[in-house]
Amino acid sequence: MKPKPAISGDHLLAVLAALANPHRLRVIAMLAAGGRNYVSQLAREIGISRPLLHLHLLKLEEAGLVASQLELSKDGKALNYYEVRDFAFLLTPASIAEAADSLTAKPES
């Protein structure tokens, strides 16, 4: 039986796609430096709209790079807090080849 790759090909594609955007890199950097934060505050600090930030956060969350938690503030407002998940990826030709072997999407002809 072949050992499971460190990261599946499908997950690697999701991670690389999620990180292939300057706004998402800034989100990761800001959360890593400042800790967890809620959407409105992040949007102000990054300088983008809340709806656009929300789309970027969803992409990062789908890739497993950030996690969210809905909490109620003292005044009863629902705040969705985000934080960076601990992650590390070693990208070498060998690790990419290993991940490629587990891809579920077949190459187009």
Protein backbone atom coordinates (compact mmCIF):
# COMPACT_ATOMS: atom_id res chain seq x y z
CA MET A 1 0.00 0.00 0.00
CA LYS A 2 1.34 3.40 -1.03
CA PRO A 3 1.79 5.91 1.87
CA LYS A 4 -0.51 8.91 1.94
CA PRO A 5 1.17 12.11 0.62
CA ALA A 6 1.91 14.91 3.07
CA ILE A 7 -0.79 16.93 1.28
CA SER A 8 -3.23 15.68 -1.33
CA GLY A 9 -3.03 17.10 -4.81
CA ASP A 10 -6.52 18.56 -4.53
CA HIS A 11 -5.70 20.26 -1.22
CA LEU A 12 -2.43 21.60 -2.61
CA LEU A 13 -4.29 23.14 -5.55
CA ALA A 14 -6.81 24.74 -3.16
CA VAL A 15 -4.02 26.16 -0.98
CA LEU A 16 -2.06 27.55 -3.93
CA ALA A 17 -5.21 29.05 -5.48
CA ALA A 18 -6.15 30.63 -2.14
CA LEU A 19 -2.71 32.18 -1.75
CA ALA A 20 -2.51 33.42 -5.34
CA ASN A 21 -4.12 36.76 -4.52
CA PRO A 22 -2.58 39.85 -2.92
CA HIS A 23 -5.64 40.56 -0.73
CA ARG A 24 -5.60 37.02 0.66
CA LEU A 25 -1.86 37.24 1.36
CA ARG A 26 -2.53 40.48 3.25
CA VAL A 27 -5.32 38.82 5.24
CA ILE A 28 -3.01 35.96 6.26
CA ALA A 29 -0.25 38.43 7.17
CA MET A 30 -2.57 40.64 9.20
CA LEU A 31 -4.13 37.74 11.10
CA ALA A 32 -0.72 36.18 11.73
CA ALA A 33 0.66 39.45 13.11
CA GLY A 34 -2.36 40.70 15.03
CA GLY A 35 -4.23 37.56 15.99
CA ARG A 36 -7.87 36.86 15.44
CA ASN A 37 -10.08 39.64 14.20
CA TYR A 38 -13.60 40.20 12.92
CA VAL A 39 -14.63 40.96 9.36
CA SER A 40 -15.49 44.66 9.71
CA GLN A 41 -12.23 45.49 11.46
CA LEU A 42 -10.18 43.46 8.98
CA ALA A 43 -11.91 45.19 6.06
CA ARG A 44 -11.05 48.62 7.50
CA GLU A 45 -7.43 47.65 8.17
CA ILE A 46 -6.90 46.10 4.72
CA GLY A 47 -8.88 48.82 2.92
CA ILE A 48 -11.41 46.68 1.04
CA SER A 49 -15.16 46.26 1.31
CA ARG A 50 -16.66 43.75 3.73
CA PRO A 51 -18.36 41.74 0.94
CA LEU A 52 -15.09 41.44 -0.98
CA LEU A 53 -13.19 40.51 2.17
CA HIS A 54 -15.82 37.91 3.01
CA LEU A 55 -15.28 36.24 -0.39
CA HIS A 56 -11.53 36.15 0.21
CA LEU A 57 -11.99 34.76 3.72
CA LEU A 58 -14.25 32.00 2.38
CA LYS A 59 -11.58 30.99 -0.12
CA LEU A 60 -8.95 30.90 2.64
CA GLU A 61 -11.27 28.95 4.92
CA GLU A 62 -12.10 26.40 2.19
CA ALA A 63 -8.36 25.82 1.78
CA GLY A 64 -7.99 25.28 5.53
CA LEU A 65 -5.75 28.31 6.05
CA VAL A 66 -8.07 30.28 8.35
CA ALA A 67 -10.87 29.33 10.74
CA SER A 68 -13.90 31.34 11.76
CA GLN A 69 -16.03 31.51 14.87
CA LEU A 70 -19.28 33.41 15.25
CA GLU A 71 -19.59 35.21 18.61
CA LEU A 72 -22.03 37.66 20.15
CA SER A 73 -20.67 40.98 21.39
CA LYS A 74 -21.80 42.49 24.70
CA ASP A 75 -24.32 44.64 22.83
CA GLY A 76 -25.79 41.60 21.04
CA LYS A 77 -24.15 42.00 17.63
CA ALA A 78 -22.99 38.86 15.85
CA LEU A 79 -19.29 39.10 15.02
CA ASN A 80 -17.55 36.55 12.84
CA TYR A 81 -13.97 36.25 14.06
CA TYR A 82 -11.22 34.79 11.87
CA GLU A 83 -7.82 33.46 12.82
CA VAL A 84 -4.97 31.83 10.94
CA ARG A 85 -4.68 28.09 11.31
CA ASP A 86 -1.23 26.68 11.86
CA PHE A 87 0.10 25.47 8.50
CA ALA A 88 3.36 24.73 6.75
CA PHE A 89 3.91 23.37 3.27
CA LEU A 90 7.20 22.14 1.88
CA LEU A 91 7.14 22.63 -1.88
CA THR A 92 9.78 20.61 -3.65
CA PRO A 93 9.63 18.84 -6.99
CA ALA A 94 9.29 15.56 -5.07
CA SER A 95 6.45 16.78 -2.82
CA ILE A 96 4.59 18.21 -5.82
CA ALA A 97 5.02 14.94 -7.75
CA GLU A 98 3.72 13.03 -4.73
CA ALA A 99 0.70 15.33 -4.43
CA ALA A 100 0.07 15.12 -8.18
CA ASP A 101 -0.32 11.35 -7.91
CA SER A 102 -3.37 11.86 -5.68
CA LEU A 103 -5.20 14.41 -7.85
CA THR A 104 -8.83 13.49 -8.47
CA ALA A 105 -9.18 15.81 -11.49
CA LYS A 106 -7.91 14.21 -14.65
CA PRO A 107 -5.90 16.29 -17.15
CA GLU A 108 -7.83 17.68 -20.09
CA SER A 109 -7.02 16.28 -23.50
